[in-house]
Amino acid sequence: MPVWSLHGNGRNVGPGEVVKPDERLAWPATIAIGAQHVVAMFGATFLVPILTGFPVTTTLLFSGVGTLLFLLLTRNRLPSYLGSSFAFIAPIQAFNGGKTLETSEQIGQALVGVFVAGVLLAGVGFLVQAVGTGWIEKLMPPVVSGAIVALIGLNLAPVAWQNFQVQPVLGTVTLVASILFAVLFRGFLGRVSIFLGVIVGYLVAAVTNQIDFASVEQAAWFGLPDFHLPSFADATAWGLLPMFIPVVLVLIAENVGHVRGVATMTGDPTINRRTGRALLADGVATTLAGLFGGSGTTTYGENIGVMAATRVYSTAAYWVAGTIAILLSFSPKIGQLFFSIPPGVLGGVTTALYGLIGVIGIKIWVDNQVDFSRPVNQYTAAVAFVIAIAGFSLTWGQLQFGGIVLGTFAALTIYHGGNAIARWRRTGADDGGPIVPIGQLGGDPQ
């Protein structure tokens, strides 16, 4: 077990001080902060399996296990919680025509993509360890990374409408509640507005008898998570594999942004040296989840919010959070409770959530002052967006390319191809600037 030095008297954090990753407060305070991290990640981590059809308790288990692995592989110097990544929603839903997965066979097919994405991300981590992050910054400058993040959310818009129109009144109540929590409250309550909106919608559905609690009542309080194995021999799984490639690019951006964010907040630039280890750790965690039925993971912005509010960056709190998540995962009743959420509630919350993913991408442009007077930047975003929103698709043999894949390919090709032509014509095209912190797609939204 890692050893942390006690910060001050272990009870509080003085003005202008922070509790560094290798420090901790007294254990009662550390456990309380760890519990806060669990609450912060809860909504987003659970929303992904609900929207994809993956087992809830299994996803929770591997988010906890992944967090502990992340701490070990980053040598206990990089505080982070690994929750479910929203970037995986679209490619996973593709195995059932854009809808929630319904069978074990579909889950097994989707797990192949999660596994491969994890392996690729781990490979990127090894590469960054060897040569640094310069190549990432050139591959995905702000105009490209912003477009890729945004188009993932916008591509999911039809899914939100499919659920919303089933129970429009319930969807409206949920959406309005999410918005009100976001604009009326600051701090922690504002950051978990999506989760609170789900709670309000669920309570309204329960009071109006729109929920079937039979499966919840029948589920045991304690039991093993529902494990699934990837279907490596299934041609359908490999045919939709290209859908997961853009996800890897998003995970890279999220991890790089997380590391830089923590380095800035703690005032310790040496944390940036752990970027490669962070990518490797998230890749290993996602690979492990893909082998047994969990969703792909990513570093969570919600938990950065908790650290910013408490000024406690101790990795000890994340050991507590990961352990609590693992313990909670052994309750099938919790999983069934979340699967009982009606489609109207999901429709309302995803109307906001998917749009927020799009806004995160646009915020990347704003924060980096992307120059949209340049035609190459205009077309990089414009073409990618229309391809994603319209749901362009292409089938090539056994391979299927959806709107996210084609939109990502378009953004990369137009930007780099356009700049190559501009340089050839000696017009002095620039490189677009460095990659930026974009947070977690899971509820950041992640």
Protein backbone atom coordinates (compact mmCIF):
# COMPACT_ATOMS: atom_id res chain seq x y z
CA MET A 1 0.00 0.00 0.00
CA PRO A 2 1.40 3.46 -0.86
CA VAL A 3 2.55 5.74 1.92
CA TRP A 4 1.54 9.42 2.14
CA SER A 5 2.96 12.12 4.38
CA LEU A 6 0.44 13.93 6.59
CA HIS A 7 -0.38 17.45 5.43
CA GLY A 8 -0.10 19.93 8.30
CA ASN A 9 -2.20 18.82 11.24
CA GLY A 10 -4.21 16.53 8.95
CA ARG A 11 -7.46 18.38 9.58
CA ASN A 12 -7.60 21.35 7.24
CA VAL A 13 -5.93 23.10 4.33
CA GLY A 14 -4.52 26.55 5.06
CA PRO A 15 -5.00 29.63 2.83
CA GLY A 16 -3.06 29.28 -0.41
CA GLU A 17 -2.13 25.66 0.36
CA VAL A 18 -2.96 22.47 -1.50
CA VAL A 19 -2.72 18.86 -0.40
CA LYS A 20 -0.29 17.38 -2.91
CA PRO A 21 -0.69 13.92 -4.51
CA ASP A 22 1.86 12.36 -2.13
CA GLU A 23 0.21 13.92 0.94
CA ARG A 24 -3.06 13.22 2.73
CA LEU A 25 -5.30 14.58 5.46
CA ALA A 26 -6.32 12.46 8.46
CA TRP A 27 -8.04 9.25 7.37
CA PRO A 28 -11.59 10.31 8.37
CA ALA A 29 -11.26 13.43 6.20
CA THR A 30 -9.61 11.43 3.40
CA ILE A 31 -12.43 8.87 3.42
CA ALA A 32 -15.02 11.66 3.31
CA ILE A 33 -13.30 13.26 0.31
CA GLY A 34 -13.05 9.85 -1.37
CA ALA A 35 -16.80 9.44 -0.92
CA GLN A 36 -17.29 12.85 -2.58
CA HIS A 37 -15.34 11.59 -5.58
CA VAL A 38 -17.67 8.58 -5.80
CA VAL A 39 -20.73 10.85 -5.81
CA ALA A 40 -19.11 13.12 -8.42
CA MET A 41 -18.43 10.27 -10.84
CA PHE A 42 -21.68 8.43 -10.10
CA GLY A 43 -24.06 10.04 -12.57
CA ALA A 44 -21.83 9.96 -15.63
CA THR A 45 -20.37 6.53 -14.94
CA PHE A 46 -23.83 4.99 -14.61
CA LEU A 47 -25.34 6.87 -17.55
CA VAL A 48 -23.04 5.16 -20.08
CA PRO A 49 -24.14 1.56 -19.35
CA ILE A 50 -27.76 2.72 -19.16
CA LEU A 51 -27.49 4.22 -22.66
CA THR A 52 -25.47 1.37 -24.15
CA GLY A 53 -27.00 -1.68 -22.46
CA PHE A 54 -23.74 -2.73 -20.81
CA PRO A 55 -24.06 -4.25 -17.30
CA VAL A 56 -24.17 -1.43 -14.75
CA THR A 57 -22.45 -3.26 -11.90
CA THR A 58 -19.73 -4.60 -14.20
CA THR A 59 -19.05 -1.11 -15.52
CA LEU A 60 -18.84 0.17 -11.94
CA LEU A 61 -16.48 -2.66 -10.98
CA PHE A 62 -14.03 -1.89 -13.77
CA SER A 63 -14.19 1.84 -13.16
CA GLY A 64 -13.04 1.13 -9.61
CA VAL A 65 -10.44 -1.43 -10.67
CA GLY A 66 -9.30 0.88 -13.48
CA THR A 67 -8.84 3.73 -11.02
CA LEU A 68 -6.62 1.64 -8.77
CA LEU A 69 -4.62 0.44 -11.79
CA PHE A 70 -4.23 4.04 -12.94
CA LEU A 71 -2.81 5.02 -9.56
CA LEU A 72 -0.38 2.10 -9.60
CA LEU A 73 0.84 2.68 -13.16
CA THR A 74 1.30 6.42 -12.60
CA ARG A 75 3.28 5.54 -9.45
CA ASN A 76 0.70 7.12 -7.18
CA ARG A 77 1.56 10.64 -8.31
CA LEU A 78 -1.36 11.51 -10.59
CA PRO A 79 -4.82 11.87 -8.94
CA SER A 80 -7.66 10.74 -11.20
CA TYR A 81 -10.84 8.70 -11.26
CA LEU A 82 -11.42 6.54 -14.35
CA GLY A 83 -15.13 6.57 -15.14
CA SER A 84 -17.14 5.53 -18.19
CA SER A 85 -16.29 7.49 -21.33
CA PHE A 86 -19.19 8.99 -23.28
CA ALA A 87 -17.09 8.72 -26.43
CA PHE A 88 -17.93 5.00 -26.52
CA ILE A 89 -21.72 5.48 -26.63
CA ALA A 90 -22.15 5.97 -30.38
CA PRO A 91 -19.92 3.10 -31.61
CA ILE A 92 -21.42 0.70 -29.04
CA GLN A 93 -24.98 1.60 -30.01
CA ALA A 94 -24.07 0.99 -33.65
CA PHE A 95 -24.25 -2.77 -32.97
CA ASN A 96 -28.02 -2.39 -32.55
CA GLY A 97 -28.79 0.21 -35.17
CA GLY A 98 -28.12 3.18 -32.92
CA LYS A 99 -30.13 1.82 -29.99
CA THR A 100 -29.30 0.35 -26.59
CA LEU A 101 -27.86 -3.17 -26.84
CA GLU A 102 -30.41 -5.85 -26.07
CA THR A 103 -28.61 -9.21 -26.16
CA SER A 104 -25.45 -10.81 -24.80
CA GLU A 105 -24.36 -11.39 -28.39
CA GLN A 106 -24.44 -7.65 -29.14
CA ILE A 107 -22.54 -6.87 -25.94
CA GLY A 108 -19.87 -9.42 -26.88
CA GLN A 109 -19.52 -7.83 -30.31
CA ALA A 110 -19.19 -4.32 -28.87
CA LEU A 111 -16.59 -5.45 -26.34
CA VAL A 112 -14.21 -6.22 -29.20
CA GLY A 113 -14.19 -2.53 -30.05
CA VAL A 114 -13.68 -1.52 -26.42
CA PHE A 115 -10.79 -3.97 -26.11
CA VAL A 116 -9.07 -2.80 -29.30
CA ALA A 117 -9.50 0.86 -28.35
CA GLY A 118 -7.81 0.11 -25.04
CA VAL A 119 -4.92 -1.66 -26.73
CA LEU A 120 -4.42 1.25 -29.13
CA LEU A 121 -4.52 3.81 -26.33
CA ALA A 122 -1.98 1.81 -24.33
CA GLY A 123 0.22 1.73 -27.42
CA VAL A 124 -0.02 5.51 -27.69
CA GLY A 125 1.02 5.69 -24.04
CA PHE A 126 4.18 3.71 -24.77
CA LEU A 127 4.91 5.97 -27.75
CA VAL A 128 4.46 9.14 -25.71
CA GLN A 129 6.77 7.72 -23.06
CA ALA A 130 9.41 7.35 -25.77
CA VAL A 131 9.05 10.51 -27.86
CA GLY A 132 6.78 12.96 -25.97
CA THR A 133 3.46 14.60 -26.91
CA GLY A 134 4.63 16.86 -29.75
CA TRP A 135 3.20 14.59 -32.45
CA ILE A 136 -0.23 14.61 -30.76
CA GLU A 137 -0.28 18.41 -30.81
CA LYS A 138 0.48 18.41 -34.52
CA LEU A 139 -2.02 15.68 -35.37
CA MET A 140 -4.88 17.24 -33.41
CA PRO A 141 -4.59 21.03 -33.16
CA PRO A 142 -7.58 22.83 -31.56
CA VAL A 143 -9.64 23.14 -34.74
CA VAL A 144 -9.41 19.37 -35.31
CA SER A 145 -9.74 18.18 -31.70
CA GLY A 146 -12.70 20.52 -31.17
CA ALA A 147 -14.44 19.19 -34.26
CA ILE A 148 -13.89 15.54 -33.27
CA VAL A 149 -15.25 16.05 -29.76
CA ALA A 150 -18.25 18.04 -30.95
CA LEU A 151 -19.27 15.69 -33.75
CA ILE A 152 -19.45 12.74 -31.34
CA GLY A 153 -22.16 14.50 -29.37
CA LEU A 154 -24.00 15.82 -32.42
CA ASN A 155 -24.01 12.39 -34.06
CA LEU A 156 -25.99 11.08 -31.08
CA ALA A 157 -28.79 13.66 -31.39
CA PRO A 158 -31.25 11.29 -33.17
CA VAL A 159 -30.90 8.79 -30.32
CA ALA A 160 -31.99 11.43 -27.81
CA TRP A 161 -35.08 12.19 -29.91
CA GLN A 162 -36.00 8.51 -30.23
CA ASN A 163 -36.25 8.21 -26.45
CA PHE A 164 -37.74 11.65 -25.88
CA GLN A 165 -40.73 11.12 -28.15
CA VAL A 166 -41.74 7.93 -26.30
CA GLN A 167 -42.64 9.95 -23.18
CA PRO A 168 -42.40 13.65 -24.15
CA VAL A 169 -43.85 15.02 -20.90
CA LEU A 170 -41.41 13.03 -18.78
CA GLY A 171 -38.59 14.01 -21.12
CA THR A 172 -39.47 17.69 -20.77
CA VAL A 173 -39.59 17.50 -16.97
CA THR A 174 -36.17 15.84 -16.88
CA LEU A 175 -34.63 18.32 -19.31
CA VAL A 176 -36.01 21.36 -17.48
CA ALA A 177 -34.83 19.99 -14.12
CA SER A 178 -31.29 19.43 -15.47
CA ILE A 179 -31.16 22.99 -16.80
CA LEU A 180 -32.49 24.52 -13.58
CA PHE A 181 -29.96 22.68 -11.43
CA ALA A 182 -27.19 23.90 -13.73
CA VAL A 183 -28.18 27.58 -13.72
CA LEU A 184 -29.49 27.93 -10.16
CA PHE A 185 -26.69 26.19 -8.27
CA ARG A 186 -22.95 26.66 -8.20
CA GLY A 187 -20.23 24.33 -7.04
CA PHE A 188 -20.93 20.64 -6.62
CA LEU A 189 -24.70 20.70 -7.26
CA GLY A 190 -24.19 22.56 -10.50
CA ARG A 191 -21.57 20.08 -11.67
CA VAL A 192 -23.90 17.10 -11.16
CA SER A 193 -26.96 18.78 -12.73
CA ILE A 194 -27.36 15.96 -15.28
CA PHE A 195 -27.47 13.34 -12.53
CA LEU A 196 -29.91 15.41 -10.46
CA GLY A 197 -32.12 15.84 -13.52
CA VAL A 198 -32.29 12.05 -13.84
CA ILE A 199 -33.30 11.77 -10.19
CA VAL A 200 -36.11 14.32 -10.62
CA GLY A 201 -37.38 12.60 -13.78
CA TYR A 202 -37.21 9.20 -12.10
CA LEU A 203 -39.17 10.40 -9.06
CA VAL A 204 -41.87 11.92 -11.29
CA ALA A 205 -42.07 8.67 -13.26
CA ALA A 206 -42.36 6.67 -10.04
CA VAL A 207 -45.12 8.88 -8.62
CA THR A 208 -47.07 8.66 -11.89
CA ASN A 209 -46.67 4.84 -12.07
CA GLN A 210 -44.48 4.83 -15.19
CA ILE A 211 -41.84 2.46 -13.79
CA ASP A 212 -41.94 -1.32 -13.47
CA PHE A 213 -40.11 -2.18 -10.23
CA ALA A 214 -40.52 -5.96 -10.62
CA SER A 215 -36.93 -6.58 -11.73
CA VAL A 216 -35.59 -4.35 -8.95
CA GLU A 217 -37.56 -6.22 -6.29
CA GLN A 218 -36.42 -9.60 -7.59
CA ALA A 219 -32.71 -8.68 -7.75
CA ALA A 220 -30.47 -9.73 -4.88
CA TRP A 221 -28.75 -7.19 -2.67
CA PHE A 222 -25.42 -8.95 -3.08
CA GLY A 223 -24.03 -10.93 -6.01
CA LEU A 224 -21.35 -11.06 -8.68
CA PRO A 225 -21.38 -8.55 -11.55
CA ASP A 226 -22.69 -9.77 -14.91
CA PHE A 227 -19.53 -10.58 -16.84
CA HIS A 228 -19.39 -10.86 -20.66
CA LEU A 229 -16.58 -11.91 -22.98
CA PRO A 230 -15.69 -10.20 -26.27
CA SER A 231 -16.73 -12.04 -29.45
CA PHE A 232 -13.40 -12.02 -31.25
CA ALA A 233 -14.60 -14.60 -33.80
CA ASP A 234 -17.64 -12.53 -34.85
CA ALA A 235 -17.28 -10.81 -38.23
CA THR A 236 -19.84 -8.16 -37.27
CA ALA A 237 -17.62 -7.02 -34.40
CA TRP A 238 -14.67 -6.44 -36.71
CA GLY A 239 -16.86 -4.83 -39.34
CA LEU A 240 -17.85 -2.03 -36.95
CA LEU A 241 -14.39 -1.73 -35.42
CA PRO A 242 -13.50 1.48 -37.35
CA MET A 243 -16.22 3.24 -35.33
CA PHE A 244 -13.93 3.05 -32.29
CA ILE A 245 -10.89 4.72 -33.86
CA PRO A 246 -12.11 8.30 -33.27
CA VAL A 247 -12.77 7.34 -29.65
CA VAL A 248 -9.04 6.75 -29.18
CA LEU A 249 -8.32 10.30 -30.39
CA VAL A 250 -10.81 11.68 -27.86
CA LEU A 251 -9.32 9.62 -25.03
CA ILE A 252 -5.86 10.94 -25.92
CA ALA A 253 -7.09 14.52 -25.76
CA GLU A 254 -8.90 13.93 -22.47
CA ASN A 255 -5.91 12.34 -20.77
CA VAL A 256 -3.48 15.00 -21.98
CA GLY A 257 -5.88 17.70 -20.83
CA HIS A 258 -6.33 16.04 -17.43
CA VAL A 259 -2.60 15.79 -16.77
CA ARG A 260 -2.00 19.41 -17.74
CA GLY A 261 -4.95 20.56 -15.67
CA VAL A 262 -3.67 18.80 -12.53
CA ALA A 263 -0.13 20.11 -13.13
CA THR A 264 -1.47 23.66 -13.33
CA MET A 265 -3.72 23.40 -10.26
CA THR A 266 -1.04 21.83 -8.06
CA GLY A 267 1.71 24.13 -9.33
CA ASP A 268 3.86 21.10 -10.13
CA PRO A 269 4.93 21.07 -13.81
CA THR A 270 6.78 17.77 -13.32
CA ILE A 271 3.35 16.05 -13.38
CA ASN A 272 3.31 16.64 -17.15
CA ARG A 273 6.06 14.02 -17.42
CA ARG A 274 3.47 11.41 -16.48
CA THR A 275 1.37 11.96 -19.61
CA GLY A 276 2.62 8.76 -21.22
CA ARG A 277 1.91 6.76 -18.07
CA ALA A 278 -1.60 8.25 -17.88
CA LEU A 279 -2.36 7.18 -21.45
CA LEU A 280 -0.90 3.74 -20.81
CA ALA A 281 -2.89 3.32 -17.59
CA ASP A 282 -6.19 4.37 -19.17
CA GLY A 283 -5.46 2.06 -22.08
CA VAL A 284 -4.80 -0.90 -19.78
CA ALA A 285 -7.97 -0.14 -17.77
CA THR A 286 -10.08 0.07 -20.93
CA THR A 287 -8.55 -3.15 -22.28
CA LEU A 288 -9.33 -4.98 -19.04
CA ALA A 289 -12.91 -3.67 -19.07
CA GLY A 290 -13.30 -4.83 -22.67
CA LEU A 291 -12.21 -8.34 -21.74
CA PHE A 292 -14.93 -8.85 -19.14
CA GLY A 293 -17.92 -6.65 -19.95
CA GLY A 294 -17.17 -3.15 -18.66
CA SER A 295 -17.33 0.09 -20.60
CA GLY A 296 -14.21 1.95 -21.75
CA THR A 297 -12.79 4.40 -19.22
CA THR A 298 -11.41 7.91 -19.20
CA THR A 299 -10.15 10.48 -16.70
CA TYR A 300 -13.04 12.46 -15.19
CA GLY A 301 -13.46 16.22 -15.16
CA GLU A 302 -16.12 16.01 -12.44
CA ASN A 303 -13.45 14.81 -10.06
CA ILE A 304 -11.14 17.63 -11.08
CA GLY A 305 -13.97 19.88 -9.91
CA VAL A 306 -13.97 18.19 -6.50
CA MET A 307 -10.20 18.66 -6.24
CA ALA A 308 -10.45 22.32 -7.23
CA ALA A 309 -13.17 22.89 -4.61
CA THR A 310 -11.38 21.07 -1.78
CA ARG A 311 -7.76 21.83 -2.84
CA VAL A 312 -7.03 18.21 -1.95
CA TYR A 313 -5.11 16.41 -4.73
CA SER A 314 -4.13 13.44 -2.59
CA THR A 315 -4.15 10.12 -4.42
CA ALA A 316 -5.19 8.55 -1.10
CA ALA A 317 -8.72 9.90 -1.68
CA TYR A 318 -8.83 8.09 -5.04
CA TRP A 319 -7.77 4.81 -3.45
CA VAL A 320 -10.78 5.24 -1.20
CA ALA A 321 -13.07 6.13 -4.14
CA GLY A 322 -11.93 3.16 -6.23
CA THR A 323 -12.40 0.78 -3.33
CA ILE A 324 -15.92 2.08 -2.62
CA ALA A 325 -16.85 1.67 -6.31
CA ILE A 326 -15.66 -1.94 -6.29
CA LEU A 327 -17.70 -2.72 -3.18
CA LEU A 328 -20.85 -1.13 -4.67
CA SER A 329 -20.45 -3.19 -7.84
CA PHE A 330 -21.39 -6.37 -5.98
CA SER A 331 -25.06 -5.35 -5.64
CA PRO A 332 -27.28 -6.53 -8.54
CA LYS A 333 -30.17 -4.53 -7.08
CA ILE A 334 -28.28 -1.29 -7.80
CA GLY A 335 -27.86 -2.33 -11.43
CA GLN A 336 -31.53 -3.16 -11.87
CA LEU A 337 -32.54 0.12 -10.24
CA PHE A 338 -30.65 2.07 -12.89
CA PHE A 339 -31.97 -0.09 -15.73
CA SER A 340 -35.51 0.71 -14.60
CA ILE A 341 -35.10 4.34 -15.70
CA PRO A 342 -37.82 4.97 -18.34
CA PRO A 343 -37.01 6.12 -21.90
CA GLY A 344 -38.54 9.58 -21.39
CA VAL A 345 -36.06 10.35 -18.62
CA LEU A 346 -33.18 9.17 -20.81
CA GLY A 347 -34.49 11.23 -23.71
CA GLY A 348 -34.64 14.38 -21.61
CA VAL A 349 -31.23 14.03 -20.06
CA THR A 350 -29.47 13.05 -23.29
CA THR A 351 -30.98 16.01 -25.12
CA ALA A 352 -28.87 18.14 -22.80
CA LEU A 353 -25.93 15.76 -22.47
CA TYR A 354 -25.26 15.17 -26.16
CA GLY A 355 -25.55 18.87 -26.83
CA LEU A 356 -23.08 19.59 -24.04
CA ILE A 357 -20.58 17.25 -25.66
CA GLY A 358 -20.90 19.36 -28.79
CA VAL A 359 -20.43 22.54 -26.77
CA ILE A 360 -17.22 21.19 -25.21
CA GLY A 361 -15.78 20.86 -28.71
CA ILE A 362 -16.81 24.40 -29.57
CA LYS A 363 -15.32 25.66 -26.30
CA ILE A 364 -11.97 24.27 -27.45
CA TRP A 365 -12.16 26.61 -30.43
CA VAL A 366 -13.12 29.59 -28.28
CA ASP A 367 -10.42 28.99 -25.66
CA ASN A 368 -7.75 28.69 -28.35
CA GLN A 369 -9.09 31.54 -30.49
CA VAL A 370 -9.31 29.38 -33.61
CA ASP A 371 -9.32 31.64 -36.66
CA PHE A 372 -12.43 30.81 -38.67
CA SER A 373 -11.66 33.43 -41.27
CA ARG A 374 -9.30 30.81 -42.72
CA PRO A 375 -11.13 28.62 -45.26
CA VAL A 376 -9.25 25.47 -44.18
CA ASN A 377 -10.59 25.87 -40.62
CA GLN A 378 -14.10 26.60 -41.87
CA TYR A 379 -14.24 23.49 -44.02
CA THR A 380 -12.58 21.29 -41.38
CA ALA A 381 -15.49 21.96 -39.03
CA ALA A 382 -18.31 22.38 -41.56
CA VAL A 383 -17.86 19.14 -43.48
CA ALA A 384 -17.19 17.07 -40.35
CA PHE A 385 -20.33 18.39 -38.65
CA VAL A 386 -22.71 17.71 -41.52
CA ILE A 387 -21.32 14.20 -42.00
CA ALA A 388 -21.86 13.42 -38.30
CA ILE A 389 -25.27 15.06 -37.89
CA ALA A 390 -26.70 13.57 -41.09
CA GLY A 391 -25.34 10.15 -40.19
CA PHE A 392 -23.32 9.52 -43.35
CA SER A 393 -22.26 5.89 -43.64
CA LEU A 394 -20.07 3.74 -45.85
CA THR A 395 -19.77 -0.03 -46.13
CA TRP A 396 -16.58 -1.49 -47.56
CA GLY A 397 -16.63 -5.26 -47.57
CA GLN A 398 -17.10 -6.33 -43.93
CA LEU A 399 -16.17 -2.89 -42.64
CA GLN A 400 -18.80 -0.28 -41.76
CA PHE A 401 -17.93 3.38 -41.34
CA GLY A 402 -20.47 5.61 -39.57
CA GLY A 403 -20.80 9.36 -39.23
CA ILE A 404 -18.26 9.68 -36.44
CA VAL A 405 -15.56 7.80 -38.35
CA LEU A 406 -16.18 9.62 -41.62
CA GLY A 407 -16.47 12.97 -39.87
CA THR A 408 -13.18 12.43 -38.03
CA PHE A 409 -11.47 11.35 -41.23
CA ALA A 410 -12.83 14.42 -43.00
CA ALA A 411 -11.60 16.79 -40.26
CA LEU A 412 -8.09 15.33 -40.27
CA THR A 413 -7.85 15.13 -44.06
CA ILE A 414 -9.21 18.61 -44.79
CA TYR A 415 -7.09 20.32 -42.15
CA HIS A 416 -3.77 18.63 -42.88
CA GLY A 417 -4.37 18.36 -46.62
CA GLY A 418 -5.46 21.99 -46.82
CA ASN A 419 -2.44 23.21 -44.88
CA ALA A 420 -0.10 21.07 -46.98
CA ILE A 421 -1.47 22.70 -50.13
CA ALA A 422 -1.18 26.12 -48.51
CA ARG A 423 2.46 25.51 -47.59
CA TRP A 424 3.13 24.25 -51.08
CA ARG A 425 1.77 27.53 -52.39
CA ARG A 426 3.93 29.31 -49.79
CA THR A 427 1.04 31.05 -48.08
CA GLY A 428 2.49 30.49 -44.59
CA ALA A 429 -0.16 28.25 -43.04
CA ASP A 430 0.43 27.72 -39.31
CA ASP A 431 0.21 24.51 -37.35
CA GLY A 432 -3.00 25.37 -35.47
CA GLY A 433 -1.58 25.52 -31.94
CA PRO A 434 -1.33 23.01 -29.12
CA ILE A 435 -3.91 20.58 -27.88
CA VAL A 436 -5.92 21.84 -24.90
CA PRO A 437 -7.49 20.39 -21.77
CA ILE A 438 -11.04 19.35 -22.64
CA GLY A 439 -12.04 17.46 -19.53
CA GLN A 440 -14.05 14.12 -19.45
CA LEU A 441 -16.84 13.29 -21.82
CA GLY A 442 -18.67 11.21 -19.13
CA GLY A 443 -20.43 13.85 -17.36
CA ASP A 444 -18.03 16.65 -18.01
CA PRO A 445 -19.62 15.53 -20.07
CA GLN A 446 -17.39 12.77 -20.71
